[in-house]
N, C-alpha and C. Protein backbone atom coordinates (compact mmCIF):
# COMPACT_ATOMS: atom_id res chain seq x y z
N MET A 1 0.84 -1.18 0.00
CA MET A 1 0.00 0.00 0.00
C MET A 1 0.88 1.24 0.00
N PHE A 2 0.55 2.21 -0.81
CA PHE A 2 1.29 3.45 -0.89
C PHE A 2 0.37 4.59 -0.48
N VAL A 3 0.82 5.39 0.46
CA VAL A 3 0.07 6.55 0.92
C VAL A 3 0.68 7.77 0.26
N SER A 4 -0.14 8.57 -0.43
CA SER A 4 0.40 9.70 -1.18
C SER A 4 0.63 10.94 -0.32
N ASP A 5 -0.18 11.17 0.68
CA ASP A 5 -0.02 12.35 1.52
C ASP A 5 -0.03 11.92 2.98
N LEU A 6 1.11 12.07 3.62
CA LEU A 6 1.25 11.65 5.01
C LEU A 6 2.33 12.48 5.65
N GLU A 7 2.11 12.89 6.89
CA GLU A 7 3.15 13.59 7.63
C GLU A 7 3.13 13.08 9.06
N LEU A 8 4.28 12.60 9.50
CA LEU A 8 4.45 12.14 10.87
C LEU A 8 5.52 13.00 11.50
N GLU A 9 5.31 13.40 12.73
CA GLU A 9 6.28 14.23 13.42
C GLU A 9 6.34 13.82 14.87
N ARG A 10 7.56 13.79 15.39
CA ARG A 10 7.74 13.50 16.81
C ARG A 10 8.80 14.45 17.35
N LYS A 11 8.48 15.11 18.43
CA LYS A 11 9.44 16.01 19.08
C LYS A 11 9.66 15.51 20.49
N GLU A 12 10.91 15.48 20.89
CA GLU A 12 11.26 15.08 22.25
C GLU A 12 12.64 15.60 22.57
N SER A 13 12.93 15.73 23.85
CA SER A 13 14.25 16.13 24.30
C SER A 13 15.07 14.89 24.60
N VAL A 14 16.26 14.84 24.02
CA VAL A 14 17.18 13.72 24.26
C VAL A 14 18.57 14.29 24.50
N SER A 15 19.45 13.46 24.99
CA SER A 15 20.83 13.91 25.20
C SER A 15 21.52 14.08 23.84
N ARG A 16 22.60 14.82 23.84
CA ARG A 16 23.39 15.00 22.62
C ARG A 16 23.86 13.65 22.10
N ALA A 17 24.29 12.76 23.01
CA ALA A 17 24.75 11.43 22.62
C ALA A 17 23.63 10.62 21.96
N GLU A 18 22.41 10.71 22.51
CA GLU A 18 21.28 9.97 21.93
C GLU A 18 20.92 10.53 20.56
N ALA A 19 20.96 11.85 20.42
CA ALA A 19 20.68 12.47 19.12
C ALA A 19 21.71 11.99 18.09
N ALA A 20 22.98 11.94 18.48
CA ALA A 20 24.03 11.47 17.58
C ALA A 20 23.83 10.01 17.21
N LYS A 21 23.43 9.20 18.18
CA LYS A 21 23.18 7.77 17.93
C LYS A 21 22.06 7.60 16.90
N ARG A 22 20.99 8.36 17.04
CA ARG A 22 19.87 8.25 16.12
C ARG A 22 20.24 8.73 14.71
N LEU A 23 20.98 9.84 14.64
CA LEU A 23 21.43 10.33 13.34
C LEU A 23 22.38 9.34 12.66
N ALA A 24 23.27 8.73 13.45
CA ALA A 24 24.21 7.75 12.90
C ALA A 24 23.47 6.52 12.37
N ALA A 25 22.47 6.05 13.11
CA ALA A 25 21.68 4.90 12.66
C ALA A 25 20.95 5.21 11.37
N PHE A 26 20.39 6.42 11.28
CA PHE A 26 19.71 6.84 10.07
C PHE A 26 20.70 6.91 8.90
N ALA A 27 21.86 7.51 9.14
CA ALA A 27 22.88 7.63 8.09
C ALA A 27 23.36 6.26 7.63
N ASP A 28 23.57 5.33 8.55
CA ASP A 28 23.99 3.97 8.18
C ASP A 28 22.95 3.29 7.30
N ALA A 29 21.68 3.41 7.68
CA ALA A 29 20.60 2.80 6.89
C ALA A 29 20.51 3.44 5.51
N LEU A 30 20.67 4.75 5.45
CA LEU A 30 20.60 5.47 4.19
C LEU A 30 21.73 5.05 3.27
N ALA A 31 22.94 4.88 3.81
CA ALA A 31 24.10 4.52 3.01
C ALA A 31 24.07 3.06 2.55
N SER A 32 23.43 2.20 3.32
CA SER A 32 23.52 0.77 3.04
C SER A 32 22.46 0.26 2.06
N GLY A 33 21.46 1.04 1.76
CA GLY A 33 20.45 0.53 0.84
C GLY A 33 19.32 1.49 0.60
N GLY A 34 18.28 1.00 -0.06
CA GLY A 34 17.18 1.83 -0.48
C GLY A 34 16.06 1.97 0.52
N HIS A 35 16.18 1.35 1.71
CA HIS A 35 15.13 1.45 2.72
C HIS A 35 15.69 2.00 4.03
N VAL A 36 14.92 2.86 4.67
CA VAL A 36 15.28 3.40 5.97
C VAL A 36 14.11 3.14 6.90
N GLU A 37 14.40 2.62 8.08
CA GLU A 37 13.38 2.37 9.09
C GLU A 37 13.46 3.49 10.12
N LEU A 38 12.36 4.20 10.33
CA LEU A 38 12.32 5.28 11.30
C LEU A 38 11.50 4.85 12.50
N ASP A 39 12.07 4.99 13.68
CA ASP A 39 11.36 4.68 14.91
C ASP A 39 10.76 5.97 15.44
N LEU A 40 9.44 5.98 15.56
CA LEU A 40 8.74 7.17 16.03
C LEU A 40 8.09 6.91 17.38
N GLY A 41 8.78 6.19 18.24
CA GLY A 41 8.28 5.92 19.58
C GLY A 41 7.02 5.09 19.58
N GLY A 42 7.16 3.79 19.49
CA GLY A 42 6.00 2.90 19.48
C GLY A 42 5.50 2.61 18.08
N THR A 43 5.88 3.41 17.12
CA THR A 43 5.52 3.21 15.72
C THR A 43 6.78 3.29 14.90
N SER A 44 6.92 2.39 13.94
CA SER A 44 8.06 2.50 13.04
C SER A 44 7.54 2.59 11.61
N VAL A 45 8.27 3.31 10.79
CA VAL A 45 7.90 3.53 9.40
C VAL A 45 9.08 3.15 8.53
N SER A 46 8.82 2.32 7.52
CA SER A 46 9.85 1.95 6.57
C SER A 46 9.67 2.82 5.33
N ILE A 47 10.74 3.48 4.92
CA ILE A 47 10.67 4.41 3.80
C ILE A 47 11.66 3.97 2.73
N ARG A 48 11.20 3.89 1.50
CA ARG A 48 12.07 3.59 0.36
C ARG A 48 12.70 4.91 -0.09
N VAL A 49 14.01 4.93 -0.19
CA VAL A 49 14.74 6.14 -0.55
C VAL A 49 15.29 6.01 -1.96
N ALA A 50 15.05 7.02 -2.79
CA ALA A 50 15.54 7.03 -4.16
C ALA A 50 17.06 7.16 -4.19
N GLU A 51 17.64 6.84 -5.31
CA GLU A 51 19.10 6.94 -5.47
C GLU A 51 19.57 8.40 -5.39
N ASN A 52 18.77 9.32 -5.90
CA ASN A 52 19.13 10.75 -5.88
C ASN A 52 18.25 11.47 -4.88
N VAL A 53 18.89 12.19 -3.98
CA VAL A 53 18.21 12.86 -2.88
C VAL A 53 18.62 14.33 -2.85
N ARG A 54 17.63 15.20 -2.65
CA ARG A 54 17.92 16.63 -2.49
C ARG A 54 18.09 16.89 -1.01
N THR A 55 19.12 17.64 -0.65
CA THR A 55 19.35 17.95 0.76
C THR A 55 19.20 19.45 1.01
N GLU A 56 18.76 19.76 2.21
CA GLU A 56 18.65 21.15 2.63
C GLU A 56 19.11 21.23 4.08
N PHE A 57 20.03 22.14 4.35
CA PHE A 57 20.52 22.36 5.70
C PHE A 57 20.19 23.79 6.08
N GLU A 58 19.63 23.95 7.26
CA GLU A 58 19.21 25.28 7.70
C GLU A 58 19.62 25.47 9.17
N VAL A 59 20.18 26.62 9.46
CA VAL A 59 20.54 26.97 10.83
C VAL A 59 19.85 28.29 11.15
N GLU A 60 19.11 28.32 12.25
CA GLU A 60 18.45 29.54 12.71
C GLU A 60 18.91 29.86 14.12
N VAL A 61 19.29 31.10 14.34
CA VAL A 61 19.64 31.57 15.67
C VAL A 61 18.62 32.62 16.05
N ASP A 62 17.93 32.37 17.16
CA ASP A 62 16.90 33.29 17.62
C ASP A 62 17.12 33.53 19.11
N GLY A 63 17.78 34.62 19.42
CA GLY A 63 18.09 34.92 20.83
C GLY A 63 19.03 33.86 21.39
N ASP A 64 18.57 33.15 22.42
CA ASP A 64 19.43 32.16 23.05
C ASP A 64 19.11 30.73 22.59
N GLU A 65 18.43 30.59 21.45
CA GLU A 65 18.09 29.27 20.94
C GLU A 65 18.63 29.10 19.52
N ILE A 66 19.22 27.93 19.26
CA ILE A 66 19.71 27.58 17.93
C ILE A 66 18.92 26.38 17.44
N GLU A 67 18.48 26.46 16.20
CA GLU A 67 17.74 25.36 15.58
C GLU A 67 18.47 24.94 14.32
N VAL A 68 18.73 23.64 14.18
CA VAL A 68 19.36 23.09 12.99
C VAL A 68 18.37 22.12 12.36
N GLU A 69 18.06 22.33 11.09
CA GLU A 69 17.17 21.44 10.37
C GLU A 69 17.94 20.79 9.24
N ILE A 70 17.78 19.48 9.13
CA ILE A 70 18.35 18.72 8.04
C ILE A 70 17.18 18.08 7.31
N GLU A 71 16.99 18.43 6.06
CA GLU A 71 15.86 17.93 5.31
C GLU A 71 16.35 17.16 4.09
N LEU A 72 15.80 15.98 3.89
CA LEU A 72 16.09 15.17 2.72
C LEU A 72 14.78 14.98 1.98
N SER A 73 14.80 15.10 0.67
CA SER A 73 13.58 14.85 -0.10
C SER A 73 13.96 14.18 -1.41
N TRP A 74 13.00 13.41 -1.95
CA TRP A 74 13.23 12.71 -3.21
C TRP A 74 11.88 12.42 -3.83
N SER A 75 11.94 12.11 -5.10
CA SER A 75 10.74 11.80 -5.85
C SER A 75 10.35 10.35 -5.65
N THR A 76 9.06 10.07 -5.65
CA THR A 76 8.58 8.70 -5.60
C THR A 76 8.20 8.21 -6.99
N SER A 77 8.41 9.04 -8.00
CA SER A 77 8.11 8.64 -9.37
C SER A 77 9.10 7.57 -9.82
N PRO A 78 8.73 6.77 -10.82
CA PRO A 78 9.62 5.70 -11.29
C PRO A 78 11.00 6.17 -11.71
N SER A 79 11.13 7.42 -12.19
CA SER A 79 12.44 7.93 -12.59
C SER A 79 13.34 8.16 -11.38
N GLY A 80 12.74 8.40 -10.20
CA GLY A 80 13.49 8.49 -8.95
C GLY A 80 14.39 9.69 -8.78
N GLY A 81 14.20 10.74 -9.58
CA GLY A 81 15.04 11.91 -9.46
C GLY A 81 14.68 12.75 -8.24
N ALA A 82 15.61 13.60 -7.82
CA ALA A 82 15.35 14.50 -6.70
C ALA A 82 14.32 15.54 -7.13
N PRO A 83 13.38 15.90 -6.27
CA PRO A 83 12.36 16.88 -6.63
C PRO A 83 12.95 18.27 -6.72
N PRO A 84 12.29 19.17 -7.43
CA PRO A 84 12.77 20.55 -7.46
C PRO A 84 12.62 21.18 -6.08
N SER A 85 13.40 22.21 -5.84
CA SER A 85 13.35 22.91 -4.57
C SER A 85 11.98 23.54 -4.38
N ARG A 86 11.41 23.35 -3.17
CA ARG A 86 10.09 23.92 -2.87
C ARG A 86 10.21 25.25 -2.17
N ARG A 87 11.30 25.47 -1.47
CA ARG A 87 11.44 26.69 -0.68
C ARG A 87 12.68 27.45 -1.12
N GLN A 88 12.61 28.74 -0.97
CA GLN A 88 13.79 29.56 -1.23
C GLN A 88 14.52 29.77 0.08
N HIS A 89 15.83 29.91 -0.02
CA HIS A 89 16.67 30.14 1.14
C HIS A 89 16.29 31.47 1.77
N ARG A 90 16.04 31.45 3.07
CA ARG A 90 15.69 32.68 3.78
C ARG A 90 16.96 33.48 4.07
N GLY A 91 16.82 34.76 4.05
CA GLY A 91 17.90 35.66 4.43
C GLY A 91 18.95 35.83 3.36
N GLY A 92 18.65 35.49 2.13
CA GLY A 92 19.67 35.66 1.12
C GLY A 92 19.15 35.56 -0.19
């Protein structure tokens, strides 16, 4: 079954070491094949990743808070190409 429109989000506070562990596990899965398993606390989602992926890195500093976003996106079409950019870079 393929779901065309779905958004899952989970926010939680973890230690720096736990955040690194989760990012490393994601990176290992991404590098080793076309499927990535995401654990969303009691629910896991298996995602097929295309060969070509568009990446976006964003850093925001707002007073005493820093936010880093890492976004990966790809097409689910049979050609599997990276999708065009949806957002323009802020501040430039």
